[in-house]
Structures are given as structure tokens and as C-alpha cells.
Amino acid sequence: GDLERFDRNSKNMEDFLRQNGLQGFEMIQYEPWEDHMIPGS
């Protein structure tokens, strides 16, 4: 559900952070993380 909010799209995640003055995420793993889910950057 968290990933689908951003259409599982890293560009959408980056835009959300930039538009809200945020520098990144603190992540909790529900399913094992892979870079395509949330970019490590």
C-alpha cells in the first residue's frame, strides 16, 4: 500500500520529497527490500 501510493515509481517518490522539503526516507521492511521498490539513494 505504501509503494502503490507512488505507483511504485521512484520519480514520484523523488518528486514527493522535493515538493515537501524532505531529504529522504526512513524505511521499515514489510517485504524484503529491493532497489526497484524504494531507491537506495
PDB file of all heavy atoms in Angstrom:
ATOM      1  N   GLY A   1       0.808  -1.217   0.000  1.00  0.00           N
ATOM      2  CA  GLY A   1       0.000   0.000   0.000  1.00  0.00           C
ATOM      3  C   GLY A   1       0.835   1.258   0.000  1.00  0.00           C
ATOM      4  O   GLY A   1       0.471   2.256  -0.650  1.00  0.00           O
ATOM      5  N   ASP A   2       1.954   1.258   0.729  1.00  0.00           N
ATOM      6  CA  ASP A   2       2.839   2.419   0.736  1.00  0.00           C
ATOM      7  C   ASP A   2       3.462   2.643  -0.634  1.00  0.00           C
ATOM      8  O   ASP A   2       3.570   3.786  -1.115  1.00  0.00           O
ATOM      9  CB  ASP A   2       3.960   2.221   1.769  1.00  0.00           C
ATOM     10  CG  ASP A   2       3.588   2.758   3.139  1.00  0.00           C
ATOM     11  OD1 ASP A   2       2.417   3.157   3.326  1.00  0.00           O
ATOM     12  OD2 ASP A   2       4.460   2.776   4.020  1.00  0.00           O
ATOM     13  N   LEU A   3       3.873   1.558  -1.282  1.00  0.00           N
ATOM     14  CA  LEU A   3       4.533   1.675  -2.586  1.00  0.00           C
ATOM     15  C   LEU A   3       3.539   2.076  -3.672  1.00  0.00           C
ATOM     16  O   LEU A   3       3.873   2.864  -4.574  1.00  0.00           O
ATOM     17  CB  LEU A   3       5.201   0.346  -2.942  1.00  0.00           C
ATOM     18  CG  LEU A   3       6.235  -0.171  -1.934  1.00  0.00           C
ATOM     19  CD1 LEU A   3       6.770  -1.526  -2.377  1.00  0.00           C
ATOM     20  CD2 LEU A   3       7.381   0.821  -1.762  1.00  0.00           C
ATOM     21  N   GLU A   4       2.323   1.571  -3.572  1.00  0.00           N
ATOM     22  CA  GLU A   4       1.321   1.855  -4.607  1.00  0.00           C
ATOM     23  C   GLU A   4       0.868   3.310  -4.570  1.00  0.00           C
ATOM     24  O   GLU A   4       0.393   3.841  -5.580  1.00  0.00           O
ATOM     25  CB  GLU A   4       0.138   0.905  -4.451  1.00  0.00           C
ATOM     26  CG  GLU A   4       0.481  -0.512  -4.902  1.00  0.00           C
ATOM     27  CD  GLU A   4      -0.429  -1.585  -4.323  1.00  0.00           C
ATOM     28  OE1 GLU A   4      -1.434  -1.203  -3.671  1.00  0.00           O
ATOM     29  OE2 GLU A   4      -0.120  -2.783  -4.493  1.00  0.00           O
ATOM     30  N   ARG A   5       1.014   3.972  -3.417  1.00  0.00           N
ATOM     31  CA  ARG A   5       0.706   5.404  -3.375  1.00  0.00           C
ATOM     32  C   ARG A   5       1.528   6.181  -4.392  1.00  0.00           C
ATOM     33  O   ARG A   5       1.085   7.200  -4.913  1.00  0.00           O
ATOM     34  CB  ARG A   5       1.012   5.963  -1.982  1.00  0.00           C
ATOM     35  CG  ARG A   5       0.096   5.493  -0.894  1.00  0.00           C
ATOM     36  CD  ARG A   5       0.498   6.109   0.427  1.00  0.00           C
ATOM     37  NE  ARG A   5      -0.404   5.697   1.483  1.00  0.00           N
ATOM     38  CZ  ARG A   5      -0.362   6.156   2.716  1.00  0.00           C
ATOM     39  NH1 ARG A   5       0.569   7.041   3.055  1.00  0.00           N
ATOM     40  NH2 ARG A   5      -1.216   5.737   3.619  1.00  0.00           N
ATOM     41  N   PHE A   6       2.727   5.699  -4.617  1.00  0.00           N
ATOM     42  CA  PHE A   6       3.635   6.374  -5.549  1.00  0.00           C
ATOM     43  C   PHE A   6       3.696   5.641  -6.889  1.00  0.00           C
ATOM     44  O   PHE A   6       4.613   5.855  -7.675  1.00  0.00           O
ATOM     45  CB  PHE A   6       5.037   6.457  -4.940  1.00  0.00           C
ATOM     46  CG  PHE A   6       5.089   7.213  -3.641  1.00  0.00           C
ATOM     47  CD1 PHE A   6       5.115   6.546  -2.426  1.00  0.00           C
ATOM     48  CD2 PHE A   6       5.075   8.600  -3.638  1.00  0.00           C
ATOM     49  CE1 PHE A   6       5.154   7.251  -1.224  1.00  0.00           C
ATOM     50  CE2 PHE A   6       5.114   9.307  -2.444  1.00  0.00           C
ATOM     51  CZ  PHE A   6       5.152   8.630  -1.235  1.00  0.00           C
ATOM     52  N   ASP A   7       2.699   4.771  -7.119  1.00  0.00           N
ATOM     53  CA  ASP A   7       2.651   3.949  -8.331  1.00  0.00           C
ATOM     54  C   ASP A   7       3.931   3.152  -8.514  1.00  0.00           C
ATOM     55  O   ASP A   7       4.343   2.861  -9.648  1.00  0.00           O
ATOM     56  CB  ASP A   7       2.399   4.822  -9.577  1.00  0.00           C
ATOM     57  CG  ASP A   7       1.058   5.521  -9.521  1.00  0.00           C
ATOM     58  OD1 ASP A   7       0.097   4.913  -9.015  1.00  0.00           O
ATOM     59  OD2 ASP A   7       0.979   6.684  -9.962  1.00  0.00           O
ATOM     60  N   ARG A   8       4.581   2.813  -7.374  1.00  0.00           N
ATOM     61  CA  ARG A   8       5.846   2.065  -7.385  1.00  0.00           C
ATOM     62  C   ARG A   8       6.867   2.717  -8.319  1.00  0.00           C
ATOM     63  O   ARG A   8       7.674   2.038  -8.960  1.00  0.00           O
ATOM     64  CB  ARG A   8       5.615   0.608  -7.787  1.00  0.00           C
ATOM     65  CG  ARG A   8       4.722  -0.154  -6.808  1.00  0.00           C
ATOM     66  CD  ARG A   8       4.508  -1.588  -7.240  1.00  0.00           C
ATOM     67  NE  ARG A   8       3.676  -2.318  -6.291  1.00  0.00           N
ATOM     68  CZ  ARG A   8       4.155  -3.076  -5.298  1.00  0.00           C
ATOM     69  NH1 ARG A   8       5.466  -3.197  -5.154  1.00  0.00           N
ATOM     70  NH2 ARG A   8       3.334  -3.714  -4.484  1.00  0.00           N
ATOM     71  N   ASN A   9       6.842   4.041  -8.354  1.00  0.00           N
ATOM     72  CA  ASN A   9       7.661   4.806  -9.292  1.00  0.00           C
ATOM     73  C   ASN A   9       8.636   5.684  -8.516  1.00  0.00           C
ATOM     74  O   ASN A   9       8.220   6.543  -7.735  1.00  0.00           O
ATOM     75  CB  ASN A   9       6.729   5.657 -10.176  1.00  0.00           C
ATOM     76  CG  ASN A   9       7.473   6.415 -11.249  1.00  0.00           C
ATOM     77  OD1 ASN A   9       8.272   7.283 -10.936  1.00  0.00           O
ATOM     78  ND2 ASN A   9       7.199   6.078 -12.494  1.00  0.00           N
ATOM     79  N   SER A  10       9.922   5.502  -8.745  1.00  0.00           N
ATOM     80  CA  SER A  10      10.931   6.250  -7.989  1.00  0.00           C
ATOM     81  C   SER A  10      10.872   7.743  -8.290  1.00  0.00           C
ATOM     82  O   SER A  10      11.141   8.562  -7.412  1.00  0.00           O
ATOM     83  CB  SER A  10      12.324   5.699  -8.294  1.00  0.00           C
ATOM     84  OG  SER A  10      12.632   5.827  -9.667  1.00  0.00           O
ATOM     85  N   LYS A  11      10.504   8.104  -9.508  1.00  0.00           N
ATOM     86  CA  LYS A  11      10.400   9.531  -9.845  1.00  0.00           C
ATOM     87  C   LYS A  11       9.301  10.185  -9.006  1.00  0.00           C
ATOM     88  O   LYS A  11       9.472  11.322  -8.528  1.00  0.00           O
ATOM     89  CB  LYS A  11      10.092   9.684 -11.328  1.00  0.00           C
ATOM     90  CG  LYS A  11       9.869  11.111 -11.799  1.00  0.00           C
ATOM     91  CD  LYS A  11      11.139  11.939 -11.724  1.00  0.00           C
ATOM     92  CE  LYS A  11      11.040  13.211 -12.561  1.00  0.00           C
ATOM     93  NZ  LYS A  11       9.857  14.031 -12.321  1.00  0.00           N
ATOM     94  N   ASN A  12       8.193   9.494  -8.823  1.00  0.00           N
ATOM     95  CA  ASN A  12       7.124  10.035  -7.991  1.00  0.00           C
ATOM     96  C   ASN A  12       7.587  10.215  -6.547  1.00  0.00           C
ATOM     97  O   ASN A  12       7.221  11.191  -5.880  1.00  0.00           O
ATOM     98  CB  ASN A  12       5.906   9.120  -8.035  1.00  0.00           C
ATOM     99  CG  ASN A  12       5.232   9.109  -9.391  1.00  0.00           C
ATOM    100  OD1 ASN A  12       5.465   9.999 -10.213  1.00  0.00           O
ATOM    101  ND2 ASN A  12       4.402   8.108  -9.633  1.00  0.00           N
ATOM    102  N   MET A  13       8.388   9.275  -6.054  1.00  0.00           N
ATOM    103  CA  MET A  13       8.931   9.391  -4.696  1.00  0.00           C
ATOM    104  C   MET A  13       9.860  10.591  -4.586  1.00  0.00           C
ATOM    105  O   MET A  13       9.786  11.366  -3.625  1.00  0.00           O
ATOM    106  CB  MET A  13       9.676   8.101  -4.317  1.00  0.00           C
ATOM    107  CG  MET A  13       8.802   6.882  -4.219  1.00  0.00           C
ATOM    108  SD  MET A  13       9.762   5.391  -3.831  1.00  0.00           S
ATOM    109  CE  MET A  13       8.496   4.134  -3.989  1.00  0.00           C
ATOM    110  N   GLU A  14      10.728  10.743  -5.553  1.00  0.00           N
ATOM    111  CA  GLU A  14      11.658  11.876  -5.554  1.00  0.00           C
ATOM    112  C   GLU A  14      10.906  13.200  -5.612  1.00  0.00           C
ATOM    113  O   GLU A  14      11.251  14.154  -4.897  1.00  0.00           O
ATOM    114  CB  GLU A  14      12.614  11.765  -6.750  1.00  0.00           C
ATOM    115  CG  GLU A  14      13.588  10.600  -6.659  1.00  0.00           C
ATOM    116  CD  GLU A  14      14.343  10.383  -7.958  1.00  0.00           C
ATOM    117  OE1 GLU A  14      14.065  11.122  -8.945  1.00  0.00           O
ATOM    118  OE2 GLU A  14      15.198   9.479  -8.000  1.00  0.00           O
ATOM    119  N   ASP A  15       9.869  13.259  -6.455  1.00  0.00           N
ATOM    120  CA  ASP A  15       9.079  14.494  -6.563  1.00  0.00           C
ATOM    121  C   ASP A  15       8.382  14.810  -5.243  1.00  0.00           C
ATOM    122  O   ASP A  15       8.335  15.972  -4.810  1.00  0.00           O
ATOM    123  CB  ASP A  15       8.032  14.349  -7.674  1.00  0.00           C
ATOM    124  CG  ASP A  15       8.655  14.352  -9.065  1.00  0.00           C
ATOM    125  OD1 ASP A  15       9.837  14.742  -9.194  1.00  0.00           O
ATOM    126  OD2 ASP A  15       7.957  13.956 -10.008  1.00  0.00           O
ATOM    127  N   PHE A  16       7.830  13.785  -4.582  1.00  0.00           N
ATOM    128  CA  PHE A  16       7.151  13.984  -3.299  1.00  0.00           C
ATOM    129  C   PHE A  16       8.122  14.559  -2.270  1.00  0.00           C
ATOM    130  O   PHE A  16       7.787  15.525  -1.558  1.00  0.00           O
ATOM    131  CB  PHE A  16       6.579  12.659  -2.813  1.00  0.00           C
ATOM    132  CG  PHE A  16       6.090  12.686  -1.394  1.00  0.00           C
ATOM    133  CD1 PHE A  16       4.847  13.217  -1.081  1.00  0.00           C
ATOM    134  CD2 PHE A  16       6.881  12.189  -0.365  1.00  0.00           C
ATOM    135  CE1 PHE A  16       4.392  13.252   0.225  1.00  0.00           C
ATOM    136  CE2 PHE A  16       6.438  12.226   0.950  1.00  0.00           C
ATOM    137  CZ  PHE A  16       5.196  12.755   1.244  1.00  0.00           C
ATOM    138  N   LEU A  17       9.304  14.006  -2.182  1.00  0.00           N
ATOM    139  CA  LEU A  17      10.286  14.505  -1.217  1.00  0.00           C
ATOM    140  C   LEU A  17      10.659  15.947  -1.533  1.00  0.00           C
ATOM    141  O   LEU A  17      10.662  16.813  -0.641  1.00  0.00           O
ATOM    142  CB  LEU A  17      11.532  13.616  -1.234  1.00  0.00           C
ATOM    143  CG  LEU A  17      11.357  12.183  -0.723  1.00  0.00           C
ATOM    144  CD1 LEU A  17      12.632  11.373  -0.977  1.00  0.00           C
ATOM    145  CD2 LEU A  17      11.008  12.164   0.760  1.00  0.00           C
ATOM    146  N   ARG A  18      10.962  16.222  -2.781  1.00  0.00           N
ATOM    147  CA  ARG A  18      11.408  17.568  -3.160  1.00  0.00           C
ATOM    148  C   ARG A  18      10.316  18.598  -2.923  1.00  0.00           C
ATOM    149  O   ARG A  18      10.572  19.681  -2.364  1.00  0.00           O
ATOM    150  CB  ARG A  18      11.833  17.581  -4.630  1.00  0.00           C
ATOM    151  CG  ARG A  18      12.433  18.915  -5.085  1.00  0.00           C
ATOM    152  CD  ARG A  18      12.783  18.931  -6.553  1.00  0.00           C
ATOM    153  NE  ARG A  18      11.596  18.813  -7.397  1.00  0.00           N
ATOM    154  CZ  ARG A  18      11.235  17.702  -8.026  1.00  0.00           C
ATOM    155  NH1 ARG A  18      11.964  16.595  -7.910  1.00  0.00           N
ATOM    156  NH2 ARG A  18      10.154  17.670  -8.780  1.00  0.00           N
ATOM    157  N   GLN A  19       9.093  18.260  -3.290  1.00  0.00           N
ATOM    158  CA  GLN A  19       7.988  19.213  -3.160  1.00  0.00           C
ATOM    159  C   GLN A  19       7.656  19.530  -1.708  1.00  0.00           C
ATOM    160  O   GLN A  19       7.072  20.579  -1.414  1.00  0.00           O
ATOM    161  CB  GLN A  19       6.753  18.659  -3.877  1.00  0.00           C
ATOM    162  CG  GLN A  19       6.901  18.618  -5.387  1.00  0.00           C
ATOM    163  CD  GLN A  19       5.863  17.730  -6.060  1.00  0.00           C
ATOM    164  OE1 GLN A  19       4.937  17.224  -5.412  1.00  0.00           O
ATOM    165  NE2 GLN A  19       6.007  17.524  -7.360  1.00  0.00           N
ATOM    166  N   ASN A  20       8.050  18.647  -0.800  1.00  0.00           N
ATOM    167  CA  ASN A  20       7.711  18.826   0.616  1.00  0.00           C
ATOM    168  C   ASN A  20       8.914  19.179   1.479  1.00  0.00           C
ATOM    169  O   ASN A  20       8.816  19.170   2.710  1.00  0.00           O
ATOM    170  CB  ASN A  20       7.025  17.562   1.138  1.00  0.00           C
ATOM    171  CG  ASN A  20       5.629  17.381   0.570  1.00  0.00           C
ATOM    172  OD1 ASN A  20       4.688  18.061   0.974  1.00  0.00           O
ATOM    173  ND2 ASN A  20       5.495  16.491  -0.400  1.00  0.00           N
ATOM    174  N   GLY A  21      10.031  19.502   0.837  1.00  0.00           N
ATOM    175  CA  GLY A  21      11.207  19.918   1.589  1.00  0.00           C
ATOM    176  C   GLY A  21      11.834  18.814   2.416  1.00  0.00           C
ATOM    177  O   GLY A  21      12.393  19.068   3.484  1.00  0.00           O
ATOM    178  N   LEU A  22      11.752  17.578   1.937  1.00  0.00           N
ATOM    179  CA  LEU A  22      12.287  16.413   2.635  1.00  0.00           C
ATOM    180  C   LEU A  22      13.495  15.867   1.900  1.00  0.00           C
ATOM    181  O   LEU A  22      13.564  15.930   0.669  1.00  0.00           O
ATOM    182  CB  LEU A  22      11.209  15.330   2.756  1.00  0.00           C
ATOM    183  CG  LEU A  22       9.927  15.754   3.486  1.00  0.00           C
ATOM    184  CD1 LEU A  22       8.798  14.760   3.222  1.00  0.00           C
ATOM    185  CD2 LEU A  22      10.179  15.881   4.983  1.00  0.00           C
ATOM    186  N   GLN A  23      14.423  15.301   2.656  1.00  0.00           N
ATOM    187  CA  GLN A  23      15.666  14.825   2.050  1.00  0.00           C
ATOM    188  C   GLN A  23      15.727  13.318   1.845  1.00  0.00           C
ATOM    189  O   GLN A  23      16.672  12.814   1.250  1.00  0.00           O
ATOM    190  CB  GLN A  23      16.871  15.246   2.908  1.00  0.00           C
ATOM    191  CG  GLN A  23      17.266  16.703   2.751  1.00  0.00           C
ATOM    192  CD  GLN A  23      16.332  17.623   3.516  1.00  0.00           C
ATOM    193  OE1 GLN A  23      16.155  17.480   4.718  1.00  0.00           O
ATOM    194  NE2 GLN A  23      15.743  18.585   2.819  1.00  0.00           N
ATOM    195  N   GLY A  24      14.754  12.573   2.377  1.00  0.00           N
ATOM    196  CA  GLY A  24      14.801  11.130   2.189  1.00  0.00           C
ATOM    197  C   GLY A  24      13.816  10.411   3.070  1.00  0.00           C
ATOM    198  O   GLY A  24      12.957  11.021   3.736  1.00  0.00           O
ATOM    199  N   PHE A  25      13.957   9.068   3.075  1.00  0.00           N
ATOM    200  CA  PHE A  25      13.036   8.194   3.803  1.00  0.00           C
ATOM    201  C   PHE A  25      13.746   7.460   4.931  1.00  0.00           C
ATOM    202  O   PHE A  25      14.933   7.135   4.829  1.00  0.00           O
ATOM    203  CB  PHE A  25      12.461   7.123   2.857  1.00  0.00           C
ATOM    204  CG  PHE A  25      11.550   7.643   1.792  1.00  0.00           C
ATOM    205  CD1 PHE A  25      11.886   7.515   0.450  1.00  0.00           C
ATOM    206  CD2 PHE A  25      10.331   8.223   2.111  1.00  0.00           C
ATOM    207  CE1 PHE A  25      11.038   7.959  -0.552  1.00  0.00           C
ATOM    208  CE2 PHE A  25       9.472   8.675   1.119  1.00  0.00           C
ATOM    209  CZ  PHE A  25       9.824   8.545  -0.218  1.00  0.00           C
ATOM    210  N   GLU A  26      12.973   7.178   5.991  1.00  0.00           N
ATOM    211  CA  GLU A  26      13.335   6.143   6.953  1.00  0.00           C
ATOM    212  C   GLU A  26      12.429   4.957   6.646  1.00  0.00           C
ATOM    213  O   GLU A  26      11.205   5.075   6.727  1.00  0.00           O
ATOM    214  CB  GLU A  26      13.131   6.629   8.386  1.00  0.00           C
ATOM    215  CG  GLU A  26      13.511   5.575   9.431  1.00  0.00           C
ATOM    216  CD  GLU A  26      13.226   6.052  10.848  1.00  0.00           C
ATOM    217  OE1 GLU A  26      13.934   6.971  11.320  1.00  0.00           O
ATOM    218  OE2 GLU A  26      12.276   5.504  11.473  1.00  0.00           O
ATOM    219  N   MET A  27      13.023   3.840   6.296  1.00  0.00           N
ATOM    220  CA  MET A  27      12.269   2.698   5.767  1.00  0.00           C
ATOM    221  C   MET A  27      12.150   1.585   6.799  1.00  0.00           C
ATOM    222  O   MET A  27      13.085   1.297   7.538  1.00  0.00           O
ATOM    223  CB  MET A  27      12.984   2.143   4.529  1.00  0.00           C
ATOM    224  CG  MET A  27      12.316   0.911   3.917  1.00  0.00           C
ATOM    225  SD  MET A  27      13.321   0.120   2.638  1.00  0.00           S
ATOM    226  CE  MET A  27      14.591  -0.681   3.642  1.00  0.00           C
ATOM    227  N   ILE A  28      10.979   0.958   6.816  1.00  0.00           N
ATOM    228  CA  ILE A  28      10.799  -0.299   7.543  1.00  0.00           C
ATOM    229  C   ILE A  28      10.430  -1.367   6.523  1.00  0.00           C
ATOM    230  O   ILE A  28       9.667  -1.103   5.577  1.00  0.00           O
ATOM    231  CB  ILE A  28       9.732  -0.173   8.647  1.00  0.00           C
ATOM    232  CG1 ILE A  28       9.699  -1.436   9.508  1.00  0.00           C
ATOM    233  CG2 ILE A  28       8.352   0.127   8.073  1.00  0.00           C
ATOM    234  CD1 ILE A  28       8.902  -1.293  10.792  1.00  0.00           C
ATOM    235  N   GLN A  29      11.005  -2.565   6.680  1.00  0.00           N
ATOM    236  CA  GLN A  29      10.763  -3.641   5.728  1.00  0.00           C
ATOM    237  C   GLN A  29       9.530  -4.446   6.135  1.00  0.00           C
ATOM    238  O   GLN A  29       9.504  -5.035   7.209  1.00  0.00           O
ATOM    239  CB  GLN A  29      11.960  -4.588   5.664  1.00  0.00           C
ATOM    240  CG  GLN A  29      13.207  -3.974   5.069  1.00  0.00           C
ATOM    241  CD  GLN A  29      14.283  -5.013   4.860  1.00  0.00           C
ATOM    242  OE1 GLN A  29      14.281  -5.736   3.862  1.00  0.00           O
ATOM    243  NE2 GLN A  29      15.200  -5.086   5.813  1.00  0.00           N
ATOM    244  N   TYR A  30       8.537  -4.443   5.269  1.00  0.00           N
ATOM    245  CA  TYR A  30       7.404  -5.353   5.404  1.00  0.00           C
ATOM    246  C   TYR A  30       7.680  -6.564   4.518  1.00  0.00           C
ATOM    247  O   TYR A  30       7.560  -7.703   4.937  1.00  0.00           O
ATOM    248  CB  TYR A  30       6.109  -4.657   4.998  1.00  0.00           C
ATOM    249  CG  TYR A  30       4.899  -5.552   4.984  1.00  0.00           C
ATOM    250  CD1 TYR A  30       4.204  -5.809   6.164  1.00  0.00           C
ATOM    251  CD2 TYR A  30       4.451  -6.137   3.801  1.00  0.00           C
ATOM    252  CE1 TYR A  30       3.086  -6.643   6.163  1.00  0.00           C
ATOM    253  CE2 TYR A  30       3.342  -6.972   3.795  1.00  0.00           C
ATOM    254  CZ  TYR A  30       2.671  -7.218   4.965  1.00  0.00           C
ATOM    255  OH  TYR A  30       1.566  -8.043   4.958  1.00  0.00           O
ATOM    256  N   GLU A  31       8.046  -6.284   3.275  1.00  0.00           N
ATOM    257  CA  GLU A  31       8.589  -7.297   2.384  1.00  0.00           C
ATOM    258  C   GLU A  31      10.067  -6.978   2.186  1.00  0.00           C
ATOM    259  O   GLU A  31      10.475  -5.818   2.298  1.00  0.00           O
ATOM    260  CB  GLU A  31       7.855  -7.279   1.039  1.00  0.00           C
ATOM    261  CG  GLU A  31       6.388  -7.641   1.156  1.00  0.00           C
ATOM    262  CD  GLU A  31       5.662  -7.569  -0.176  1.00  0.00           C
ATOM    263  OE1 GLU A  31       6.290  -7.141  -1.171  1.00  0.00           O
ATOM    264  OE2 GLU A  31       4.475  -7.939  -0.211  1.00  0.00           O
ATOM    265  N   PRO A  32      10.904  -7.989   1.909  1.00  0.00           N
ATOM    266  CA  PRO A  32      12.338  -7.732   1.755  1.00  0.00           C
ATOM    267  C   PRO A  32      12.608  -6.648   0.715  1.00  0.00           C
ATOM    268  O   PRO A  32      12.049  -6.665  -0.390  1.00  0.00           O
ATOM    269  CB  PRO A  32      12.897  -9.092   1.308  1.00  0.00           C
ATOM    270  CG  PRO A  32      11.930 -10.085   1.869  1.00  0.00           C
ATOM    271  CD  PRO A  32      10.580  -9.428   1.785  1.00  0.00           C
ATOM    272  N   TRP A  33      13.452  -5.688   1.085  1.00  0.00           N
ATOM    273  CA  TRP A  33      13.728  -4.544   0.229  1.00  0.00           C
ATOM    274  C   TRP A  33      14.525  -4.930  -1.006  1.00  0.00           C
ATOM    275  O   TRP A  33      15.449  -5.740  -0.948  1.00  0.00           O
ATOM    276  CB  TRP A  33      14.516  -3.481   1.001  1.00  0.00           C
ATOM    277  CG  TRP A  33      14.996  -2.355   0.131  1.00  0.00           C
ATOM    278  CD1 TRP A  33      14.298  -1.249  -0.228  1.00  0.00           C
ATOM    279  CD2 TRP A  33      16.286  -2.236  -0.495  1.00  0.00           C
ATOM    280  NE1 TRP A  33      15.062  -0.438  -1.043  1.00  0.00           N
ATOM    281  CE2 TRP A  33      16.287  -1.020  -1.217  1.00  0.00           C
ATOM    282  CE3 TRP A  33      17.424  -3.040  -0.511  1.00  0.00           C
ATOM    283  CZ2 TRP A  33      17.400  -0.598  -1.951  1.00  0.00           C
ATOM    284  CZ3 TRP A  33      18.529  -2.637  -1.250  1.00  0.00           C
ATOM    285  CH2 TRP A  33      18.498  -1.407  -1.964  1.00  0.00           C
ATOM    286  N   GLU A  34      14.141  -4.313  -2.120  1.00  0.00           N
ATOM    287  CA  GLU A  34      14.944  -4.335  -3.339  1.00  0.00           C
ATOM    288  C   GLU A  34      14.932  -2.932  -3.903  1.00  0.00           C
ATOM    289  O   GLU A  34      13.987  -2.167  -3.703  1.00  0.00           O
ATOM    290  CB  GLU A  34      14.386  -5.339  -4.359  1.00  0.00           C
ATOM    291  CG  GLU A  34      14.458  -6.789  -3.886  1.00  0.00           C
ATOM    292  CD  GLU A  34      13.919  -7.763  -4.923  1.00  0.00           C
ATOM    293  OE1 GLU A  34      13.771  -7.359  -6.100  1.00  0.00           O
ATOM    294  OE2 GLU A  34      13.634  -8.913  -4.557  1.00  0.00           O
ATOM    295  N   ASP A  35      15.973  -2.579  -4.638  1.00  0.00           N
ATOM    296  CA  ASP A  35      16.161  -1.192  -5.062  1.00  0.00           C
ATOM    297  C   ASP A  35      15.014  -0.681  -5.920  1.00  0.00           C
ATOM    298  O   ASP A  35      14.699   0.510  -5.901  1.00  0.00           O
ATOM    299  CB  ASP A  35      17.487  -1.049  -5.820  1.00  0.00           C
ATOM    300  CG  ASP A  35      17.855   0.404  -6.066  1.00  0.00           C
ATOM    301  OD1 ASP A  35      18.226   1.086  -5.092  1.00  0.00           O
ATOM    302  OD2 ASP A  35      17.746   0.858  -7.224  1.00  0.00           O
ATOM    303  N   HIS A  36      14.358  -1.571  -6.653  1.00  0.00           N
ATOM    304  CA  HIS A  36      13.261  -1.116  -7.513  1.00  0.00           C
ATOM    305  C   HIS A  36      12.043  -0.690  -6.689  1.00  0.00           C
ATOM    306  O   HIS A  36      11.158   0.001  -7.194  1.00  0.00           O
ATOM    307  CB  HIS A  36      12.868  -2.205  -8.522  1.00  0.00           C
ATOM    308  CG  HIS A  36      12.255  -3.419  -7.899  1.00  0.00           C
ATOM    309  ND1 HIS A  36      10.925  -3.504  -7.554  1.00  0.00           N
ATOM    310  CD2 HIS A  36      12.800  -4.601  -7.552  1.00  0.00           C
ATOM    311  CE1 HIS A  36      10.675  -4.676  -7.025  1.00  0.00           C
ATOM    312  NE2 HIS A  36      11.793  -5.375  -7.005  1.00  0.00           N
ATOM    313  N   MET A  37      11.971  -1.111  -5.420  1.00  0.00           N
ATOM    314  CA  MET A  37      10.854  -0.713  -4.564  1.00  0.00           C
ATOM    315  C   MET A  37      11.014   0.739  -4.127  1.00  0.00           C
ATOM    316  O   MET A  37      10.147   1.583  -4.349  1.00  0.00           O
ATOM    317  CB  MET A  37      10.797  -1.603  -3.318  1.00  0.00           C
ATOM    318  CG  MET A  37      10.464  -3.048  -3.553  1.00  0.00           C
ATOM    319  SD  MET A  37      10.547  -3.935  -1.968  1.00  0.00           S
ATOM    320  CE  MET A  37       9.705  -5.456  -2.397  1.00  0.00           C
ATOM    321  N   ILE A  38      12.117   1.000  -3.444  1.00  0.00           N
ATOM    322  CA  ILE A  38      12.470   2.333  -2.968  1.00  0.00           C
ATOM    323  C   ILE A  38      13.958   2.498  -3.270  1.00  0.00           C
ATOM    324  O   ILE A  38      14.784   1.750  -2.738  1.00  0.00           O
ATOM    325  CB  ILE A  38      12.233   2.492  -1.451  1.00  0.00           C
ATOM    326  CG1 ILE A  38      10.795   2.119  -1.073  1.00  0.00           C
ATOM    327  CG2 ILE A  38      12.553   3.921  -1.003  1.00  0.00           C
ATOM    328  CD1 ILE A  38      10.588   1.930   0.424  1.00  0.00           C
ATOM    329  N   PRO A  39      14.335   3.423  -4.114  1.00  0.00           N
ATOM    330  CA  PRO A  39      15.758   3.550  -4.472  1.00  0.00           C
ATOM    331  C   PRO A  39      16.618   3.772  -3.236  1.00  0.00           C
ATOM    332  O   PRO A  39      16.280   4.566  -2.348  1.00  0.00           O
ATOM    333  CB  PRO A  39      15.777   4.775  -5.390  1.00  0.00           C
ATOM    334  CG  PRO A  39      14.391   4.873  -5.926  1.00  0.00           C
ATOM    335  CD  PRO A  39      13.498   4.382  -4.837  1.00  0.00           C
ATOM    336  N   GLY A  40      17.735   3.055  -3.172  1.00  0.00           N
ATOM    337  CA  GLY A  40      18.642   3.212  -2.050  1.00  0.00           C
ATOM    338  C   GLY A  40      19.113   4.639  -1.863  1.00  0.00           C
ATOM    339  O   GLY A  40      19.384   5.069  -0.740  1.00  0.00           O
ATOM    340  N   SER A  41      19.168   5.387  -2.949  1.00  0.00           N
ATOM    341  CA  SER A  41      19.623   6.777  -2.861  1.00  0.00           C
ATOM    342  C   SER A  41      18.686   7.642  -2.027  1.00  0.00           C
ATOM    343  O   SER A  41      19.075   8.724  -1.561  1.00  0.00           O
ATOM    344  CB  SER A  41      19.750   7.374  -4.262  1.00  0.00           C
ATOM    345  OG  SER A  41      18.493   7.335  -4.939  1.00  0.00           O
TER     346      SER A  41
END
